Amino acid sequence: MSKKTSMEVAVREGAGKGAARALRREGLVPGVIYGDKKPPVMISVNPLQLKREMSTKGFWTRQFDLNVGGKKHTVLCQDVQRHVVSDTPIHIDFLRISKDSILTLDIPVRLINEDICVGIKRGGTLNIVRRTVEVNCKAANIPDEFVFDLAKADLNDSIHISAIELPKGVVPTISDRDFTIASIAVPSGIGKSDEEEAEGEEGAEAEAEGENKEEK
């Protein structure tokens, strides 16, 4: 499950574009904390700390404990606005949450054992359909990622969401089908007859080996 990260922020005075520009001239990133039926809190963030957190895996699903003037706010990052030229953060929005908050999040997908995947070894191509899965879950149950094992996937096989056991209380927003995460596609140079012929040769070899053992 997602771990919490502490981050020091400061209360900022004033709102609007003028106050935000003044903060940026000081080298800070303006932001806001809102949600959970409480008043918004205007804040400023150290850009070096923010960039470090943004470059760390799982930034968008990680919970942060923000210490604002001695008061702690548990939040998720909702949006980061960037400069159109430099791509540096110029504003950040944090959503205040509680342990019972129901959230809709995109959870990253990680595919493992591609190097020993049966279908890829036979010349197949990995086709990634989804790099994230959108789910509804409580803040206390946010997964870090979904891991799918490709080791036994063969040509024309598909890996569906049902291939893993989801954590309790984590429900995909797509609920009407067992949707695909990835598949092993047959290369265009290998037709169906070629695939069947290869399988037939493998079967013949296995049969021949069995007969040789019986003769011995």
C-alpha atoms as a PDB file:
ATOM      1  CA  MET A   1       0.000   0.000   0.000  1.00  0.00           C
ATOM      2  CA  SER A   2       1.004   3.604  -0.559  1.00  0.00           C
ATOM      3  CA  LYS A   3       3.271   5.048   2.127  1.00  0.00           C
ATOM      4  CA  LYS A   4       3.083   8.555   3.550  1.00  0.00           C
ATOM      5  CA  THR A   5       5.823  11.108   2.981  1.00  0.00           C
ATOM      6  CA  SER A   6       6.361  14.177   5.155  1.00  0.00           C
ATOM      7  CA  MET A   7       6.838  17.527   3.451  1.00  0.00           C
ATOM      8  CA  GLU A   8       7.437  20.933   4.979  1.00  0.00           C
ATOM      9  CA  VAL A   9       5.434  23.779   3.454  1.00  0.00           C
ATOM     10  CA  ALA A  10       4.734  27.345   4.540  1.00  0.00           C
ATOM     11  CA  VAL A  11       1.536  29.350   4.785  1.00  0.00           C
ATOM     12  CA  ARG A  12       1.462  32.078   2.141  1.00  0.00           C
ATOM     13  CA  GLU A  13      -0.195  35.421   2.510  1.00  0.00           C
ATOM     14  CA  GLY A  14      -2.606  36.597  -0.125  1.00  0.00           C
ATOM     15  CA  ALA A  15      -4.181  34.904  -3.118  1.00  0.00           C
ATOM     16  CA  GLY A  16      -4.443  35.610  -6.809  1.00  0.00           C
ATOM     17  CA  LYS A  17      -1.958  36.010  -9.645  1.00  0.00           C
ATOM     18  CA  GLY A  18      -0.065  38.911  -8.110  1.00  0.00           C
ATOM     19  CA  ALA A  19       0.728  37.074  -4.895  1.00  0.00           C
ATOM     20  CA  ALA A  20       1.678  33.937  -6.837  1.00  0.00           C
ATOM     21  CA  ARG A  21       4.085  35.886  -9.070  1.00  0.00           C
ATOM     22  CA  ALA A  22       5.709  37.442  -6.019  1.00  0.00           C
ATOM     23  CA  LEU A  23       6.319  33.993  -4.537  1.00  0.00           C
ATOM     24  CA  ARG A  24       7.851  32.722  -7.770  1.00  0.00           C
ATOM     25  CA  ARG A  25      10.226  35.694  -7.819  1.00  0.00           C
ATOM     26  CA  GLU A  26      11.365  34.511  -4.379  1.00  0.00           C
ATOM     27  CA  GLY A  27      12.090  31.088  -5.856  1.00  0.00           C
ATOM     28  CA  LEU A  28       9.082  29.326  -4.278  1.00  0.00           C
ATOM     29  CA  VAL A  29       6.178  27.388  -5.785  1.00  0.00           C
ATOM     30  CA  PRO A  30       2.683  28.585  -4.770  1.00  0.00           C
ATOM     31  CA  GLY A  31       0.050  25.973  -3.981  1.00  0.00           C
ATOM     32  CA  VAL A  32      -3.249  25.253  -2.282  1.00  0.00           C
ATOM     33  CA  ILE A  33      -4.686  22.555   0.000  1.00  0.00           C
ATOM     34  CA  TYR A  34      -8.428  21.966  -0.385  1.00  0.00           C
ATOM     35  CA  GLY A  35     -11.110  19.343   0.153  1.00  0.00           C
ATOM     36  CA  ASP A  36     -12.546  17.242   2.997  1.00  0.00           C
ATOM     37  CA  LYS A  37     -15.202  19.947   3.585  1.00  0.00           C
ATOM     38  CA  LYS A  38     -12.630  22.298   5.119  1.00  0.00           C
ATOM     39  CA  PRO A  39     -11.478  25.797   4.064  1.00  0.00           C
ATOM     40  CA  PRO A  40      -8.647  25.965   1.527  1.00  0.00           C
ATOM     41  CA  VAL A  41      -5.147  26.771   2.785  1.00  0.00           C
ATOM     42  CA  MET A  42      -2.743  28.781   0.637  1.00  0.00           C
ATOM     43  CA  ILE A  43       0.823  27.474   0.839  1.00  0.00           C
ATOM     44  CA  SER A  44       4.279  27.769  -0.681  1.00  0.00           C
ATOM     45  CA  VAL A  45       6.605  24.838  -1.443  1.00  0.00           C
ATOM     46  CA  ASN A  46      10.358  24.585  -1.802  1.00  0.00           C
ATOM     47  CA  PRO A  47      10.930  23.793  -5.525  1.00  0.00           C
ATOM     48  CA  LEU A  48      13.925  21.519  -4.890  1.00  0.00           C
ATOM     49  CA  GLN A  49      11.933  19.363  -2.489  1.00  0.00           C
ATOM     50  CA  LEU A  50       8.969  19.296  -4.866  1.00  0.00           C
ATOM     51  CA  LYS A  51      11.098  18.258  -7.860  1.00  0.00           C
ATOM     52  CA  ARG A  52      12.718  15.509  -5.786  1.00  0.00           C
ATOM     53  CA  GLU A  53       9.319  14.098  -4.804  1.00  0.00           C
ATOM     54  CA  MET A  54       7.973  14.384  -8.351  1.00  0.00           C
ATOM     55  CA  SER A  55      10.912  12.383  -9.695  1.00  0.00           C
ATOM     56  CA  THR A  56      10.266   9.577  -7.203  1.00  0.00           C
ATOM     57  CA  LYS A  57       8.153   6.595  -8.325  1.00  0.00           C
ATOM     58  CA  GLY A  58       4.487   6.663  -7.317  1.00  0.00           C
ATOM     59  CA  PHE A  59       4.230  10.441  -6.851  1.00  0.00           C
ATOM     60  CA  TRP A  60       0.582  10.650  -7.958  1.00  0.00           C
ATOM     61  CA  THR A  61      -0.650   7.901  -5.621  1.00  0.00           C
ATOM     62  CA  ARG A  62       1.537   8.743  -2.624  1.00  0.00           C
ATOM     63  CA  GLN A  63       0.038  10.336   0.456  1.00  0.00           C
ATOM     64  CA  PHE A  64       1.833  13.359   1.884  1.00  0.00           C
ATOM     65  CA  ASP A  65       1.711  14.725   5.405  1.00  0.00           C
ATOM     66  CA  LEU A  66       2.080  18.489   5.029  1.00  0.00           C
ATOM     67  CA  ASN A  67       3.080  20.394   8.141  1.00  0.00           C
ATOM     68  CA  VAL A  68       1.495  23.839   7.809  1.00  0.00           C
ATOM     69  CA  GLY A  69       2.122  26.122  10.754  1.00  0.00           C
ATOM     70  CA  GLY A  70       2.182  23.207  13.181  1.00  0.00           C
ATOM     71  CA  LYS A  71      -0.979  21.600  11.769  1.00  0.00           C
ATOM     72  CA  LYS A  72      -0.757  18.378   9.742  1.00  0.00           C
ATOM     73  CA  HIS A  73      -2.754  17.857   6.541  1.00  0.00           C
ATOM     74  CA  THR A  74      -2.830  14.441   4.839  1.00  0.00           C
ATOM     75  CA  VAL A  75      -3.079  15.029   1.092  1.00  0.00           C
ATOM     76  CA  LEU A  76      -2.675  13.668  -2.416  1.00  0.00           C
ATOM     77  CA  CYS A  77      -1.303  15.723  -5.271  1.00  0.00           C
ATOM     78  CA  GLN A  78      -4.106  16.560  -7.695  1.00  0.00           C
ATOM     79  CA  ASP A  79      -2.355  18.775 -10.221  1.00  0.00           C
ATOM     80  CA  VAL A  80       0.984  20.404 -11.007  1.00  0.00           C
ATOM     81  CA  GLN A  81       1.068  23.324 -13.419  1.00  0.00           C
ATOM     82  CA  ARG A  82       4.338  23.738 -15.319  1.00  0.00           C
ATOM     83  CA  HIS A  83       6.015  26.582 -17.158  1.00  0.00           C
ATOM     84  CA  VAL A  84       5.400  26.271 -20.902  1.00  0.00           C
ATOM     85  CA  VAL A  85       9.085  26.779 -21.764  1.00  0.00           C
ATOM     86  CA  SER A  86      11.179  25.536 -18.820  1.00  0.00           C
ATOM     87  CA  ASP A  87       8.693  22.835 -17.695  1.00  0.00           C
ATOM     88  CA  THR A  88       9.412  23.746 -14.060  1.00  0.00           C
ATOM     89  CA  PRO A  89       6.526  23.575 -11.535  1.00  0.00           C
ATOM     90  CA  ILE A  90       4.762  26.915 -11.092  1.00  0.00           C
ATOM     91  CA  HIS A  91       1.719  25.852  -9.024  1.00  0.00           C
ATOM     92  CA  ILE A  92       0.578  22.737  -7.162  1.00  0.00           C
ATOM     93  CA  ASP A  93      -2.828  21.579  -5.929  1.00  0.00           C
ATOM     94  CA  PHE A  94      -3.149  19.184  -2.986  1.00  0.00           C
ATOM     95  CA  LEU A  95      -6.387  17.351  -2.118  1.00  0.00           C
ATOM     96  CA  ARG A  96      -6.966  16.957   1.620  1.00  0.00           C
ATOM     97  CA  ILE A  97      -8.090  13.411   2.502  1.00  0.00           C
ATOM     98  CA  SER A  98      -9.001  11.259   5.485  1.00  0.00           C
ATOM     99  CA  LYS A  99      -8.562   7.495   5.908  1.00  0.00           C
ATOM    100  CA  ASP A 100     -12.205   6.940   4.839  1.00  0.00           C
ATOM    101  CA  SER A 101     -12.070   9.182   1.759  1.00  0.00           C
ATOM    102  CA  ILE A 102     -13.150   7.328  -1.394  1.00  0.00           C
ATOM    103  CA  LEU A 103     -10.755   8.207  -4.210  1.00  0.00           C
ATOM    104  CA  THR A 104     -10.543   7.551  -7.937  1.00  0.00           C
ATOM    105  CA  LEU A 105      -6.923   7.006  -8.920  1.00  0.00           C
ATOM    106  CA  ASP A 106      -4.786   5.668 -11.760  1.00  0.00           C
ATOM    107  CA  ILE A 107      -2.578   2.903 -10.343  1.00  0.00           C
ATOM    108  CA  PRO A 108       0.632   2.109 -12.308  1.00  0.00           C
ATOM    109  CA  VAL A 109       1.015  -1.301 -13.963  1.00  0.00           C
ATOM    110  CA  ARG A 110       4.321  -3.214 -13.802  1.00  0.00           C
ATOM    111  CA  LEU A 111       4.966  -6.227 -16.028  1.00  0.00           C
ATOM    112  CA  ILE A 112       7.604  -8.699 -14.837  1.00  0.00           C
ATOM    113  CA  ASN A 113       9.505 -11.663 -16.340  1.00  0.00           C
ATOM    114  CA  GLU A 114       9.415 -10.318 -19.884  1.00  0.00           C
ATOM    115  CA  ASP A 115      12.876 -11.833 -20.407  1.00  0.00           C
ATOM    116  CA  ILE A 116      11.595 -15.384 -19.813  1.00  0.00           C
ATOM    117  CA  CYS A 117       8.126 -14.964 -21.343  1.00  0.00           C
ATOM    118  CA  VAL A 118       7.267 -18.069 -23.415  1.00  0.00           C
ATOM    119  CA  GLY A 119       5.545 -16.143 -26.213  1.00  0.00           C
ATOM    120  CA  ILE A 120       8.279 -13.539 -26.557  1.00  0.00           C
ATOM    121  CA  LYS A 121      10.922 -16.280 -26.737  1.00  0.00           C
ATOM    122  CA  ARG A 122       8.948 -17.779 -29.635  1.00  0.00           C
ATOM    123  CA  GLY A 123       9.140 -14.471 -31.517  1.00  0.00           C
ATOM    124  CA  GLY A 124       6.040 -12.764 -30.159  1.00  0.00           C
ATOM    125  CA  THR A 125       5.730  -9.053 -29.444  1.00  0.00           C
ATOM    126  CA  LEU A 126       4.564  -7.599 -26.141  1.00  0.00           C
ATOM    127  CA  ASN A 127       1.590  -5.288 -26.661  1.00  0.00           C
ATOM    128  CA  ILE A 128       0.914  -3.132 -23.585  1.00  0.00           C
ATOM    129  CA  VAL A 129      -2.741  -2.108 -23.555  1.00  0.00           C
ATOM    130  CA  ARG A 130      -2.823  -0.319 -20.184  1.00  0.00           C
ATOM    131  CA  ARG A 131       0.025   1.288 -18.277  1.00  0.00           C
ATOM    132  CA  THR A 132      -2.329   2.298 -15.476  1.00  0.00           C
ATOM    133  CA  VAL A 133      -5.611   0.961 -14.089  1.00  0.00           C
ATOM    134  CA  GLU A 134      -8.220   3.378 -12.776  1.00  0.00           C
ATOM    135  CA  VAL A 135      -9.719   2.252  -9.468  1.00  0.00           C
ATOM    136  CA  ASN A 136     -11.950   3.414  -6.639  1.00  0.00           C
ATOM    137  CA  CYS A 137     -10.531   2.844  -3.168  1.00  0.00           C
ATOM    138  CA  LYS A 138     -10.227   4.283   0.305  1.00  0.00           C
ATOM    139  CA  ALA A 139      -7.223   6.431   1.116  1.00  0.00           C
ATOM    140  CA  ALA A 140      -5.998   3.783   3.565  1.00  0.00           C
ATOM    141  CA  ASN A 141      -5.925   1.122   0.793  1.00  0.00           C
ATOM    142  CA  ILE A 142      -4.138   2.856  -2.084  1.00  0.00           C
ATOM    143  CA  PRO A 143      -1.912   0.301  -3.904  1.00  0.00           C
ATOM    144  CA  ASP A 144       1.583   1.345  -4.987  1.00  0.00           C
ATOM    145  CA  GLU A 145       1.253  -0.606  -8.240  1.00  0.00           C
ATOM    146  CA  PHE A 146      -0.291  -3.663  -9.907  1.00  0.00           C
ATOM    147  CA  VAL A 147       2.231  -6.388 -10.843  1.00  0.00           C
ATOM    148  CA  PHE A 148       1.498  -8.862 -13.664  1.00  0.00           C
ATOM    149  CA  ASP A 149       3.681 -11.912 -14.410  1.00  0.00           C
ATOM    150  CA  LEU A 150       4.415 -12.588 -18.102  1.00  0.00           C
ATOM    151  CA  ALA A 151       6.492 -15.757 -17.606  1.00  0.00           C
ATOM    152  CA  LYS A 152       3.898 -18.265 -18.871  1.00  0.00           C
ATOM    153  CA  ALA A 153       2.191 -16.055 -21.460  1.00  0.00           C
ATOM    154  CA  ASP A 154       2.347 -17.640 -24.938  1.00  0.00           C
ATOM    155  CA  LEU A 155       1.626 -16.381 -28.446  1.00  0.00           C
ATOM    156  CA  ASN A 156      -1.872 -14.875 -28.750  1.00  0.00           C
ATOM    157  CA  ASP A 157      -2.306 -14.900 -24.969  1.00  0.00           C
ATOM    158  CA  SER A 158      -3.813 -11.903 -23.177  1.00  0.00           C
ATOM    159  CA  ILE A 159      -3.190 -10.885 -19.572  1.00  0.00           C
ATOM    160  CA  HIS A 160      -6.393  -9.631 -17.956  1.00  0.00           C
ATOM    161  CA  ILE A 161      -7.075  -7.744 -14.741  1.00  0.00           C
ATOM    162  CA  SER A 162      -8.294 -11.030 -13.228  1.00  0.00           C
ATOM    163  CA  ALA A 163      -4.703 -12.354 -13.402  1.00  0.00           C
ATOM    164  CA  ILE A 164      -3.987 -10.718 -10.029  1.00  0.00           C
ATOM    165  CA  GLU A 165      -5.850 -10.544  -6.743  1.00  0.00           C
ATOM    166  CA  LEU A 166      -6.785  -6.948  -6.029  1.00  0.00           C
ATOM    167  CA  PRO A 167      -6.378  -5.641  -2.470  1.00  0.00           C
ATOM    168  CA  LYS A 168      -9.522  -5.543  -0.376  1.00  0.00           C
ATOM    169  CA  GLY A 169     -11.636  -2.495  -1.099  1.00  0.00           C
ATOM    170  CA  VAL A 170      -9.864  -1.699  -4.392  1.00  0.00           C
ATOM    171  CA  VAL A 171     -12.356  -1.815  -7.288  1.00  0.00           C
ATOM    172  CA  PRO A 172     -11.613  -1.035 -10.968  1.00  0.00           C
ATOM    173  CA  THR A 173     -13.865   1.650 -12.434  1.00  0.00           C
ATOM    174  CA  ILE A 174     -14.382  -0.685 -15.428  1.00  0.00           C
ATOM    175  CA  SER A 175     -16.628  -3.316 -13.886  1.00  0.00           C
ATOM    176  CA  ASP A 176     -18.500  -4.800 -16.849  1.00  0.00           C
ATOM    177  CA  ARG A 177     -15.669  -6.936 -18.279  1.00  0.00           C
ATOM    178  CA  ASP A 178     -12.377  -8.655 -17.557  1.00  0.00           C
ATOM    179  CA  PHE A 179     -10.342  -6.044 -19.412  1.00  0.00           C
ATOM    180  CA  THR A 180      -6.921  -6.623 -20.980  1.00  0.00           C
ATOM    181  CA  ILE A 181      -3.673  -5.292 -19.536  1.00  0.00           C
ATOM    182  CA  ALA A 182      -1.273  -6.698 -22.150  1.00  0.00           C
ATOM    183  CA  SER A 183      -1.054  -9.337 -24.854  1.00  0.00           C
ATOM    184  CA  ILE A 184       1.575 -11.334 -26.732  1.00  0.00           C
ATOM    185  CA  ALA A 185       1.045 -10.677 -30.428  1.00  0.00           C
ATOM    186  CA  VAL A 186       2.121 -13.046 -33.204  1.00  0.00           C
ATOM    187  CA  PRO A 187       4.615 -11.305 -35.552  1.00  0.00           C
ATOM    188  CA  SER A 188       3.329 -10.571 -39.042  1.00  0.00           C
ATOM    189  CA  GLY A 189       5.985 -12.894 -40.498  1.00  0.00           C
ATOM    190  CA  ILE A 190       4.524 -15.872 -38.639  1.00  0.00           C
ATOM    191  CA  GLY A 191       1.231 -17.049 -40.064  1.00  0.00           C
ATOM    192  CA  LYS A 192      -1.171 -19.448 -38.417  1.00  0.00           C
ATOM    193  CA  SER A 193       0.103 -22.368 -40.518  1.00  0.00           C
ATOM    194  CA  ASP A 194       3.688 -21.614 -39.450  1.00  0.00           C
ATOM    195  CA  GLU A 195       2.663 -21.571 -35.811  1.00  0.00           C
ATOM    196  CA  GLU A 196       0.753 -24.854 -36.130  1.00  0.00           C
ATOM    197  CA  GLU A 197       3.701 -26.411 -37.989  1.00  0.00           C
ATOM    198  CA  ALA A 198       6.102 -25.356 -35.217  1.00  0.00           C
ATOM    199  CA  GLU A 199       3.787 -26.829 -32.607  1.00  0.00           C
ATOM    200  CA  GLY A 200       3.504 -30.040 -34.667  1.00  0.00           C
ATOM    201  CA  GLU A 201       7.273 -30.346 -34.893  1.00  0.00           C
ATOM    202  CA  GLU A 202       7.582 -29.869 -31.133  1.00  0.00           C
ATOM    203  CA  GLY A 203       4.992 -32.596 -30.594  1.00  0.00           C
ATOM    204  CA  ALA A 204       6.742 -34.966 -33.003  1.00  0.00           C
ATOM    205  CA  GLU A 205      10.064 -34.418 -31.277  1.00  0.00           C
ATOM    206  CA  ALA A 206       8.524 -35.143 -27.881  1.00  0.00           C
ATOM    207  CA  GLU A 207       6.880 -38.303 -29.243  1.00  0.00           C
ATOM    208  CA  ALA A 208      10.147 -39.494 -30.783  1.00  0.00           C
ATOM    209  CA  GLU A 209      11.974 -38.945 -27.510  1.00  0.00           C
ATOM    210  CA  GLY A 210       9.317 -41.010 -25.717  1.00  0.00           C
ATOM    211  CA  GLU A 211       9.691 -43.900 -28.187  1.00  0.00           C
ATOM    212  CA  ASN A 212      13.478 -43.880 -27.816  1.00  0.00           C
ATOM    213  CA  LYS A 213      13.152 -44.138 -24.044  1.00  0.00           C
ATOM    214  CA  GLU A 214      10.767 -47.113 -24.386  1.00  0.00           C
ATOM    215  CA  GLU A 215      13.201 -48.921 -26.735  1.00  0.00           C
ATOM    216  CA  LYS A 216      16.005 -48.494 -24.181  1.00  0.00           C
END
